[in-house]
Amino acid sequence: MSEVAHEHYFQNLQSKYSSYQFYYKTNPTPEQLRRGPLWGVRRFSDLLMNGRCTFNTHKGVRCGRRTVFGIGYCWQHLEDKRHLKIAPSLIKRPKMDRDGRVMQDMAGHVIRESIGKGVFAYDKDHAAGSQVFDKDAVIMNYVGEHITNNEASRRYGHHNNPYTIKGTQAVFNERTRREEIRNIRGAPLIDSALIRGVTALINHKPHQEANCRFSSEHSEREGWVYKIRANRPILNGEELYVDYGDAYGNFNSPSFPKFTTQSKYTKPPDWY
């Protein structure tokens, strides 16, 4: 299947509700509260979708596997066709017990665990450390739910949200003689909170450490699309990282919104 045909095929995920629930809640500062209602406390929760794999089997029929995380790609076709693999991230954090205390081993060392899922370059036919992606190569498009600005405001207000992307561009301001970052008129607002594409699972690292980048690109055939491109050659087994940008905010700030994805059969998180 050609790249163009597959991107068109991707629109037909035959999606259904999954058993995973997304929870989001803001924790605004007093200064933010004074700015107006869209800076107030926001709660948003809904079920994630699962979708059918968008590739064909070797027999020429559509793959029947369904996925939630990395929707549209079963593990086998993600590895074979895209040379990517979803696995626990190499980024670690202290492990907490049920009472919220940092766990330690018998020697008093802090026990650390993965922050969650991550995306890795993976080619089973080549040795670890061999090159999988060239510099500037397209890793994959950023896909998700196309939402309006009004819907984004309903879900998140004016706060940061973990899976939404909007195309921006640098514009030179003649009055201030400086470049300013502005939204691209006509570019879509994509939210992957409920339709969790593969690229939505790529974790953040600062610009100097990120091996990938977001790229807003326009063509007559596709219109505006968001792509993940390689900043440098990426090797087999290497985890992908992208800089979320300064506007995303400080993850470690106590006022940063809380969010999680868990089974709908368990009770909501205490903070929600």
C-alpha atoms as a PDB file:
ATOM      1  CA  MET A   1       0.000   0.000   0.000  1.00  0.00           C
ATOM      2  CA  SER A   2       1.410   3.408  -0.970  1.00  0.00           C
ATOM      3  CA  GLU A   3       1.978   6.182   1.586  1.00  0.00           C
ATOM      4  CA  VAL A   4      -0.812   8.306   0.080  1.00  0.00           C
ATOM      5  CA  ALA A   5      -3.256   5.402   0.074  1.00  0.00           C
ATOM      6  CA  HIS A   6      -2.413   4.506   3.639  1.00  0.00           C
ATOM      7  CA  GLU A   7      -2.930   8.044   4.948  1.00  0.00           C
ATOM      8  CA  HIS A   8      -6.371   8.018   3.340  1.00  0.00           C
ATOM      9  CA  TYR A   9      -7.027   4.539   4.750  1.00  0.00           C
ATOM     10  CA  PHE A  10      -6.081   5.837   8.216  1.00  0.00           C
ATOM     11  CA  GLN A  11      -9.259   7.942   8.286  1.00  0.00           C
ATOM     12  CA  ASN A  12     -11.278   4.707   8.488  1.00  0.00           C
ATOM     13  CA  LEU A  13     -10.244   3.343  11.871  1.00  0.00           C
ATOM     14  CA  GLN A  14     -13.650   1.741  12.571  1.00  0.00           C
ATOM     15  CA  SER A  15     -13.175   3.181  16.052  1.00  0.00           C
ATOM     16  CA  LYS A  16     -15.033   2.068  19.159  1.00  0.00           C
ATOM     17  CA  TYR A  17     -14.921   3.111  22.794  1.00  0.00           C
ATOM     18  CA  SER A  18     -12.169   1.385  24.758  1.00  0.00           C
ATOM     19  CA  SER A  19     -11.932   0.421  28.431  1.00  0.00           C
ATOM     20  CA  TYR A  20      -9.473   3.276  29.149  1.00  0.00           C
ATOM     21  CA  GLN A  21     -10.520   6.587  30.691  1.00  0.00           C
ATOM     22  CA  PHE A  22      -8.655   9.896  30.385  1.00  0.00           C
ATOM     23  CA  TYR A  23      -8.719  12.286  33.363  1.00  0.00           C
ATOM     24  CA  TYR A  24      -7.584  15.922  33.336  1.00  0.00           C
ATOM     25  CA  LYS A  25      -7.791  18.614  36.006  1.00  0.00           C
ATOM     26  CA  THR A  26      -6.210  22.052  36.301  1.00  0.00           C
ATOM     27  CA  ASN A  27      -4.709  23.558  39.420  1.00  0.00           C
ATOM     28  CA  PRO A  28      -4.710  27.297  38.633  1.00  0.00           C
ATOM     29  CA  THR A  29      -2.625  29.822  40.512  1.00  0.00           C
ATOM     30  CA  PRO A  30      -4.280  32.887  42.144  1.00  0.00           C
ATOM     31  CA  GLU A  31      -2.896  35.003  39.306  1.00  0.00           C
ATOM     32  CA  GLN A  32      -4.504  32.740  36.704  1.00  0.00           C
ATOM     33  CA  LEU A  33      -7.847  32.821  38.541  1.00  0.00           C
ATOM     34  CA  ARG A  34      -7.886  36.607  38.284  1.00  0.00           C
ATOM     35  CA  ARG A  35      -7.625  36.404  34.479  1.00  0.00           C
ATOM     36  CA  GLY A  36     -11.129  35.043  33.995  1.00  0.00           C
ATOM     37  CA  PRO A  37     -13.233  31.854  33.946  1.00  0.00           C
ATOM     38  CA  LEU A  38     -11.212  30.118  31.218  1.00  0.00           C
ATOM     39  CA  TRP A  39      -8.260  30.179  33.624  1.00  0.00           C
ATOM     40  CA  GLY A  40     -10.295  28.592  36.428  1.00  0.00           C
ATOM     41  CA  VAL A  41     -10.505  24.970  37.528  1.00  0.00           C
ATOM     42  CA  ARG A  42     -11.253  22.662  34.601  1.00  0.00           C
ATOM     43  CA  ARG A  43     -12.131  18.992  34.729  1.00  0.00           C
ATOM     44  CA  PHE A  44     -12.332  16.855  31.622  1.00  0.00           C
ATOM     45  CA  SER A  45     -12.763  13.111  31.363  1.00  0.00           C
ATOM     46  CA  ASP A  46     -13.836  10.748  28.596  1.00  0.00           C
ATOM     47  CA  LEU A  47     -13.172   7.304  27.166  1.00  0.00           C
ATOM     48  CA  LEU A  48     -10.335   6.679  24.748  1.00  0.00           C
ATOM     49  CA  MET A  49     -11.121   5.151  21.381  1.00  0.00           C
ATOM     50  CA  ASN A  50      -9.685   1.939  19.993  1.00  0.00           C
ATOM     51  CA  GLY A  51      -9.254   1.480  16.271  1.00  0.00           C
ATOM     52  CA  ARG A  52      -8.555  -1.235  13.766  1.00  0.00           C
ATOM     53  CA  CYS A  53      -5.060  -1.563  12.307  1.00  0.00           C
ATOM     54  CA  THR A  54      -4.804   0.286   8.997  1.00  0.00           C
ATOM     55  CA  PHE A  55      -2.501  -2.131   7.202  1.00  0.00           C
ATOM     56  CA  ASN A  56      -3.175  -5.262   5.173  1.00  0.00           C
ATOM     57  CA  THR A  57      -1.861  -8.720   6.001  1.00  0.00           C
ATOM     58  CA  HIS A  58       0.332 -10.681   3.581  1.00  0.00           C
ATOM     59  CA  LYS A  59      -2.894 -12.252   2.276  1.00  0.00           C
ATOM     60  CA  GLY A  60      -4.137  -8.838   1.120  1.00  0.00           C
ATOM     61  CA  VAL A  61      -6.935  -8.474   3.694  1.00  0.00           C
ATOM     62  CA  ARG A  62      -7.091  -5.764   6.316  1.00  0.00           C
ATOM     63  CA  CYS A  63      -5.445  -6.597   9.631  1.00  0.00           C
ATOM     64  CA  GLY A  64      -8.047  -7.360  12.288  1.00  0.00           C
ATOM     65  CA  ARG A  65      -6.060  -6.264  15.353  1.00  0.00           C
ATOM     66  CA  ARG A  66      -7.312  -3.262  17.329  1.00  0.00           C
ATOM     67  CA  THR A  67      -5.259  -0.844  19.417  1.00  0.00           C
ATOM     68  CA  VAL A  68      -5.802   2.024  21.864  1.00  0.00           C
ATOM     69  CA  PHE A  69      -2.265   3.333  22.385  1.00  0.00           C
ATOM     70  CA  GLY A  70      -0.785   3.956  18.960  1.00  0.00           C
ATOM     71  CA  ILE A  71      -4.228   3.724  17.392  1.00  0.00           C
ATOM     72  CA  GLY A  72      -4.246   2.544  13.784  1.00  0.00           C
ATOM     73  CA  TYR A  73      -1.159   0.354  14.094  1.00  0.00           C
ATOM     74  CA  CYS A  74      -0.929  -3.113  15.613  1.00  0.00           C
ATOM     75  CA  TRP A  75       2.461  -3.900  17.156  1.00  0.00           C
ATOM     76  CA  GLN A  76       3.527  -6.046  14.204  1.00  0.00           C
ATOM     77  CA  HIS A  77       2.740  -3.546  11.439  1.00  0.00           C
ATOM     78  CA  LEU A  78       4.139  -0.662  13.499  1.00  0.00           C
ATOM     79  CA  GLU A  79       7.455  -2.500  13.614  1.00  0.00           C
ATOM     80  CA  ASP A  80       7.405  -3.851  10.040  1.00  0.00           C
ATOM     81  CA  LYS A  81       6.044  -0.806   8.194  1.00  0.00           C
ATOM     82  CA  ARG A  82       7.118   2.135  10.351  1.00  0.00           C
ATOM     83  CA  HIS A  83      10.205   0.746  12.113  1.00  0.00           C
ATOM     84  CA  LEU A  84       8.846   1.909  15.460  1.00  0.00           C
ATOM     85  CA  LYS A  85       8.115   0.156  18.722  1.00  0.00           C
ATOM     86  CA  ILE A  86       6.072   1.179  21.778  1.00  0.00           C
ATOM     87  CA  ALA A  87       7.720   0.126  25.038  1.00  0.00           C
ATOM     88  CA  PRO A  88       8.343   1.452  28.586  1.00  0.00           C
ATOM     89  CA  SER A  89      10.234   4.753  28.388  1.00  0.00           C
ATOM     90  CA  LEU A  90      13.853   4.964  29.532  1.00  0.00           C
ATOM     91  CA  ILE A  91      12.975   8.122  31.477  1.00  0.00           C
ATOM     92  CA  LYS A  92      12.697   7.198  35.144  1.00  0.00           C
ATOM     93  CA  ARG A  93      10.979   8.723  38.169  1.00  0.00           C
ATOM     94  CA  PRO A  94      10.912   7.814  41.871  1.00  0.00           C
ATOM     95  CA  LYS A  95       8.410   5.066  42.633  1.00  0.00           C
ATOM     96  CA  MET A  96       5.755   6.025  45.181  1.00  0.00           C
ATOM     97  CA  ASP A  97       3.860   3.797  47.601  1.00  0.00           C
ATOM     98  CA  ARG A  98       0.109   3.998  48.251  1.00  0.00           C
ATOM     99  CA  ASP A  99       0.634   6.729  50.833  1.00  0.00           C
ATOM    100  CA  GLY A 100       2.563   8.893  48.386  1.00  0.00           C
ATOM    101  CA  ARG A 101       5.993   8.234  49.911  1.00  0.00           C
ATOM    102  CA  VAL A 102       9.128   7.594  47.865  1.00  0.00           C
ATOM    103  CA  MET A 103      10.060   3.908  47.974  1.00  0.00           C
ATOM    104  CA  GLN A 104      13.588   2.761  48.818  1.00  0.00           C
ATOM    105  CA  ASP A 105      15.400  -0.553  48.626  1.00  0.00           C
ATOM    106  CA  MET A 106      17.181  -2.310  51.515  1.00  0.00           C
ATOM    107  CA  ALA A 107      20.305  -0.215  50.931  1.00  0.00           C
ATOM    108  CA  GLY A 108      18.348   3.037  51.139  1.00  0.00           C
ATOM    109  CA  HIS A 109      18.524   3.774  47.418  1.00  0.00           C
ATOM    110  CA  VAL A 110      15.482   5.379  45.794  1.00  0.00           C
ATOM    111  CA  ILE A 111      13.542   2.905  43.631  1.00  0.00           C
ATOM    112  CA  ARG A 112      12.832   4.340  40.212  1.00  0.00           C
ATOM    113  CA  GLU A 113      10.312   3.300  37.573  1.00  0.00           C
ATOM    114  CA  SER A 114       9.515   4.245  33.983  1.00  0.00           C
ATOM    115  CA  ILE A 115       7.300   7.307  33.539  1.00  0.00           C
ATOM    116  CA  GLY A 116       5.136   5.277  31.142  1.00  0.00           C
ATOM    117  CA  LYS A 117       5.129   4.397  27.476  1.00  0.00           C
ATOM    118  CA  GLY A 118       7.685   5.646  24.973  1.00  0.00           C
ATOM    119  CA  VAL A 119       8.395   5.241  21.256  1.00  0.00           C
ATOM    120  CA  PHE A 120      11.594   3.629  19.986  1.00  0.00           C
ATOM    121  CA  ALA A 121      13.244   3.281  16.576  1.00  0.00           C
ATOM    122  CA  TYR A 122      13.193  -0.440  15.829  1.00  0.00           C
ATOM    123  CA  ASP A 123      14.263  -2.569  12.881  1.00  0.00           C
ATOM    124  CA  LYS A 124      14.341  -6.284  13.622  1.00  0.00           C
ATOM    125  CA  ASP A 125      16.369  -6.994  10.470  1.00  0.00           C
ATOM    126  CA  HIS A 126      19.324  -4.830  11.502  1.00  0.00           C
ATOM    127  CA  ALA A 127      21.691  -4.800  14.454  1.00  0.00           C
ATOM    128  CA  ALA A 128      21.198  -2.599  17.484  1.00  0.00           C
ATOM    129  CA  GLY A 129      22.916   0.734  16.945  1.00  0.00           C
ATOM    130  CA  SER A 130      22.541   0.704  13.176  1.00  0.00           C
ATOM    131  CA  GLN A 131      20.831   3.701  11.575  1.00  0.00           C
ATOM    132  CA  VAL A 132      17.067   3.507  11.098  1.00  0.00           C
ATOM    133  CA  PHE A 133      16.115   7.117  10.214  1.00  0.00           C
ATOM    134  CA  ASP A 134      18.137   9.733   8.324  1.00  0.00           C
ATOM    135  CA  LYS A 135      18.407  13.319   9.485  1.00  0.00           C
ATOM    136  CA  ASP A 136      15.222  15.262   8.568  1.00  0.00           C
ATOM    137  CA  ALA A 137      13.384  12.027   7.707  1.00  0.00           C
ATOM    138  CA  VAL A 138       9.647  11.941   8.486  1.00  0.00           C
ATOM    139  CA  ILE A 139       9.070   9.579  11.402  1.00  0.00           C
ATOM    140  CA  MET A 140       5.273   9.789  11.260  1.00  0.00           C
ATOM    141  CA  ASN A 141       2.422  12.279  11.125  1.00  0.00           C
ATOM    142  CA  TYR A 142       0.897  13.577  14.360  1.00  0.00           C
ATOM    143  CA  VAL A 143      -2.690  12.300  14.303  1.00  0.00           C
ATOM    144  CA  GLY A 144      -5.653  12.608  16.617  1.00  0.00           C
ATOM    145  CA  GLU A 145      -9.044  14.219  16.950  1.00  0.00           C
ATOM    146  CA  HIS A 146      -9.611  17.465  15.026  1.00  0.00           C
ATOM    147  CA  ILE A 147     -11.355  19.816  17.454  1.00  0.00           C
ATOM    148  CA  THR A 148     -12.520  23.430  17.357  1.00  0.00           C
ATOM    149  CA  ASN A 149     -11.156  26.219  19.542  1.00  0.00           C
ATOM    150  CA  ASN A 150     -14.484  26.220  21.409  1.00  0.00           C
ATOM    151  CA  GLU A 151     -14.145  22.512  22.175  1.00  0.00           C
ATOM    152  CA  ALA A 152     -10.562  23.008  23.339  1.00  0.00           C
ATOM    153  CA  SER A 153     -11.761  25.789  25.657  1.00  0.00           C
ATOM    154  CA  ARG A 154     -14.526  23.557  27.011  1.00  0.00           C
ATOM    155  CA  ARG A 155     -12.053  20.785  27.797  1.00  0.00           C
ATOM    156  CA  TYR A 156      -9.025  22.722  28.983  1.00  0.00           C
ATOM    157  CA  GLY A 157      -9.879  26.425  29.220  1.00  0.00           C
ATOM    158  CA  HIS A 158      -6.721  28.412  28.559  1.00  0.00           C
ATOM    159  CA  HIS A 159      -4.523  25.917  30.374  1.00  0.00           C
ATOM    160  CA  ASN A 160      -1.851  23.647  28.958  1.00  0.00           C
ATOM    161  CA  ASN A 161      -3.056  20.270  27.847  1.00  0.00           C
ATOM    162  CA  PRO A 162      -0.909  17.212  27.253  1.00  0.00           C
ATOM    163  CA  TYR A 163      -1.891  16.005  23.779  1.00  0.00           C
ATOM    164  CA  THR A 164      -3.030  19.058  21.788  1.00  0.00           C
ATOM    165  CA  ILE A 165      -0.990  20.538  18.940  1.00  0.00           C
ATOM    166  CA  LYS A 166      -1.568  23.680  16.889  1.00  0.00           C
ATOM    167  CA  GLY A 167       0.645  24.846  14.019  1.00  0.00           C
ATOM    168  CA  THR A 168       2.715  27.965  14.694  1.00  0.00           C
ATOM    169  CA  GLN A 169       5.189  30.001  12.704  1.00  0.00           C
ATOM    170  CA  ALA A 170       7.735  32.720  13.383  1.00  0.00           C
ATOM    171  CA  VAL A 171       6.602  36.156  12.131  1.00  0.00           C
ATOM    172  CA  PHE A 172       8.884  39.201  12.063  1.00  0.00           C
ATOM    173  CA  ASN A 173       7.303  42.187  13.810  1.00  0.00           C
ATOM    174  CA  GLU A 174       8.386  45.368  12.012  1.00  0.00           C
ATOM    175  CA  ARG A 175       7.482  47.549  15.007  1.00  0.00           C
ATOM    176  CA  THR A 176       9.423  45.641  17.668  1.00  0.00           C
ATOM    177  CA  ARG A 177      12.038  44.319  15.201  1.00  0.00           C
ATOM    178  CA  ARG A 178      11.673  40.859  16.725  1.00  0.00           C
ATOM    179  CA  GLU A 179      10.327  37.505  15.645  1.00  0.00           C
ATOM    180  CA  GLU A 180       7.078  36.429  17.309  1.00  0.00           C
ATOM    181  CA  ILE A 181       5.486  32.992  17.391  1.00  0.00           C
ATOM    182  CA  ARG A 182       1.909  33.061  16.078  1.00  0.00           C
ATOM    183  CA  ASN A 183      -0.704  30.450  15.243  1.00  0.00           C
ATOM    184  CA  ILE A 184      -0.980  29.520  11.575  1.00  0.00           C
ATOM    185  CA  ARG A 185      -4.332  30.657  10.182  1.00  0.00           C
ATOM    186  CA  GLY A 186      -6.274  27.691   8.862  1.00  0.00           C
ATOM    187  CA  ALA A 187      -4.064  25.069  10.496  1.00  0.00           C
ATOM    188  CA  PRO A 188      -6.047  22.434  12.442  1.00  0.00           C
ATOM    189  CA  LEU A 189      -6.140  21.953  16.194  1.00  0.00           C
ATOM    190  CA  ILE A 190      -5.448  18.276  16.912  1.00  0.00           C
ATOM    191  CA  ASP A 191      -6.051  16.625  20.286  1.00  0.00           C
ATOM    192  CA  SER A 192      -4.725  13.097  20.845  1.00  0.00           C
ATOM    193  CA  ALA A 193      -6.132  12.719  24.357  1.00  0.00           C
ATOM    194  CA  LEU A 194      -8.922  10.377  23.220  1.00  0.00           C
ATOM    195  CA  ILE A 195      -7.525   9.208  19.860  1.00  0.00           C
ATOM    196  CA  ARG A 196      -4.007   8.358  21.051  1.00  0.00           C
ATOM    197  CA  GLY A 197      -1.758   8.234  18.003  1.00  0.00           C
ATOM    198  CA  VAL A 198       1.740   6.752  18.046  1.00  0.00           C
ATOM    199  CA  THR A 199       3.468  10.144  17.978  1.00  0.00           C
ATOM    200  CA  ALA A 200       1.432  11.307  20.986  1.00  0.00           C
ATOM    201  CA  LEU A 201       3.442   8.768  23.006  1.00  0.00           C
ATOM    202  CA  ILE A 202       6.810  10.378  22.191  1.00  0.00           C
ATOM    203  CA  ASN A 203       8.187  11.864  25.404  1.00  0.00           C
ATOM    204  CA  HIS A 204       9.649  15.307  26.021  1.00  0.00           C
ATOM    205  CA  LYS A 205      13.264  16.340  26.344  1.00  0.00           C
ATOM    206  CA  PRO A 206      14.794  19.818  26.023  1.00  0.00           C
ATOM    207  CA  HIS A 207      15.750  20.989  22.545  1.00  0.00           C
ATOM    208  CA  GLN A 208      19.438  20.094  22.899  1.00  0.00           C
ATOM    209  CA  GLU A 209      18.550  16.509  23.884  1.00  0.00           C
ATOM    210  CA  ALA A 210      15.551  15.959  21.582  1.00  0.00           C
ATOM    211  CA  ASN A 211      16.298  13.800  18.533  1.00  0.00           C
ATOM    212  CA  CYS A 212      12.997  14.747  16.823  1.00  0.00           C
ATOM    213  CA  ARG A 213      10.982  17.897  16.180  1.00  0.00           C
ATOM    214  CA  PHE A 214       7.468  18.983  15.263  1.00  0.00           C
ATOM    215  CA  SER A 215       7.060  20.284  11.709  1.00  0.00           C
ATOM    216  CA  SER A 216       3.991  22.119  10.372  1.00  0.00           C
ATOM    217  CA  GLU A 217       3.772  21.505   6.620  1.00  0.00           C
ATOM    218  CA  HIS A 218       1.272  22.447   3.923  1.00  0.00           C
ATOM    219  CA  SER A 219       0.495  20.966   0.534  1.00  0.00           C
ATOM    220  CA  GLU A 220      -2.396  21.313  -1.918  1.00  0.00           C
ATOM    221  CA  ARG A 221      -3.270  17.633  -1.540  1.00  0.00           C
ATOM    222  CA  GLU A 222      -3.095  17.316   2.248  1.00  0.00           C
ATOM    223  CA  GLY A 223      -3.573  20.864   3.488  1.00  0.00           C
ATOM    224  CA  TRP A 224      -1.887  21.473   6.840  1.00  0.00           C
ATOM    225  CA  VAL A 225      -0.377  18.409   8.511  1.00  0.00           C
ATOM    226  CA  TYR A 226       1.917  18.025  11.498  1.00  0.00           C
ATOM    227  CA  LYS A 227       4.885  15.731  11.125  1.00  0.00           C
ATOM    228  CA  ILE A 228       7.578  14.410  13.412  1.00  0.00           C
ATOM    229  CA  ARG A 229      10.977  14.722  11.729  1.00  0.00           C
ATOM    230  CA  ALA A 230      14.380  13.485  12.852  1.00  0.00           C
ATOM    231  CA  ASN A 231      16.818  16.150  14.081  1.00  0.00           C
ATOM    232  CA  ARG A 232      19.735  13.818  13.389  1.00  0.00           C
ATOM    233  CA  PRO A 233      20.344  10.199  12.342  1.00  0.00           C
ATOM    234  CA  ILE A 234      18.405   7.923  14.715  1.00  0.00           C
ATOM    235  CA  LEU A 235      19.754   4.519  15.621  1.00  0.00           C
ATOM    236  CA  ASN A 236      18.093   1.151  16.112  1.00  0.00           C
ATOM    237  CA  GLY A 237      16.820   0.833  19.705  1.00  0.00           C
ATOM    238  CA  GLU A 238      17.013   4.562  20.429  1.00  0.00           C
ATOM    239  CA  GLU A 239      14.064   6.189  22.188  1.00  0.00           C
ATOM    240  CA  LEU A 240      12.498   9.159  20.403  1.00  0.00           C
ATOM    241  CA  TYR A 241      12.238  12.501  22.189  1.00  0.00           C
ATOM    242  CA  VAL A 242      10.716  15.780  21.043  1.00  0.00           C
ATOM    243  CA  ASP A 243      10.822  19.239  22.633  1.00  0.00           C
ATOM    244  CA  TYR A 244       7.249  20.173  23.596  1.00  0.00           C
ATOM    245  CA  GLY A 245       8.225  23.863  23.630  1.00  0.00           C
ATOM    246  CA  ASP A 246       8.417  26.570  26.288  1.00  0.00           C
ATOM    247  CA  ALA A 247       4.691  27.306  25.952  1.00  0.00           C
ATOM    248  CA  TYR A 248       3.904  23.843  27.289  1.00  0.00           C
ATOM    249  CA  GLY A 249       5.036  24.895  30.748  1.00  0.00           C
ATOM    250  CA  ASN A 250       7.008  23.368  33.586  1.00  0.00           C
ATOM    251  CA  PHE A 251       6.142  19.720  34.278  1.00  0.00           C
ATOM    252  CA  ASN A 252       7.483  20.006  37.826  1.00  0.00           C
ATOM    253  CA  SER A 253       5.413  23.043  38.783  1.00  0.00           C
ATOM    254  CA  PRO A 254       2.695  22.330  41.383  1.00  0.00           C
ATOM    255  CA  SER A 255       0.273  24.365  39.243  1.00  0.00           C
ATOM    256  CA  PHE A 256       0.844  22.212  36.152  1.00  0.00           C
ATOM    257  CA  PRO A 257      -2.405  20.385  35.222  1.00  0.00           C
ATOM    258  CA  LYS A 258      -2.745  16.801  36.387  1.00  0.00           C
ATOM    259  CA  PHE A 259      -3.713  14.089  33.902  1.00  0.00           C
ATOM    260  CA  THR A 260      -3.692  10.341  33.698  1.00  0.00           C
ATOM    261  CA  THR A 261      -5.094   7.456  31.657  1.00  0.00           C
ATOM    262  CA  GLN A 262      -6.319   4.352  33.451  1.00  0.00           C
ATOM    263  CA  SER A 263      -8.880   1.565  33.295  1.00  0.00           C
ATOM    264  CA  LYS A 264     -12.463   2.780  33.432  1.00  0.00           C
ATOM    265  CA  TYR A 265     -13.211  -0.057  35.856  1.00  0.00           C
ATOM    266  CA  THR A 266     -11.072   1.500  38.602  1.00  0.00           C
ATOM    267  CA  LYS A 267     -12.089   4.530  40.633  1.00  0.00           C
ATOM    268  CA  PRO A 268     -11.037   7.999  39.408  1.00  0.00           C
ATOM    269  CA  PRO A 269      -7.743   9.359  40.811  1.00  0.00           C
ATOM    270  CA  ASP A 270      -8.011  11.065  44.182  1.00  0.00           C
ATOM    271  CA  TRP A 271      -7.070  14.454  42.755  1.00  0.00           C
ATOM    272  CA  TYR A 272      -9.916  14.387  40.220  1.00  0.00           C
END
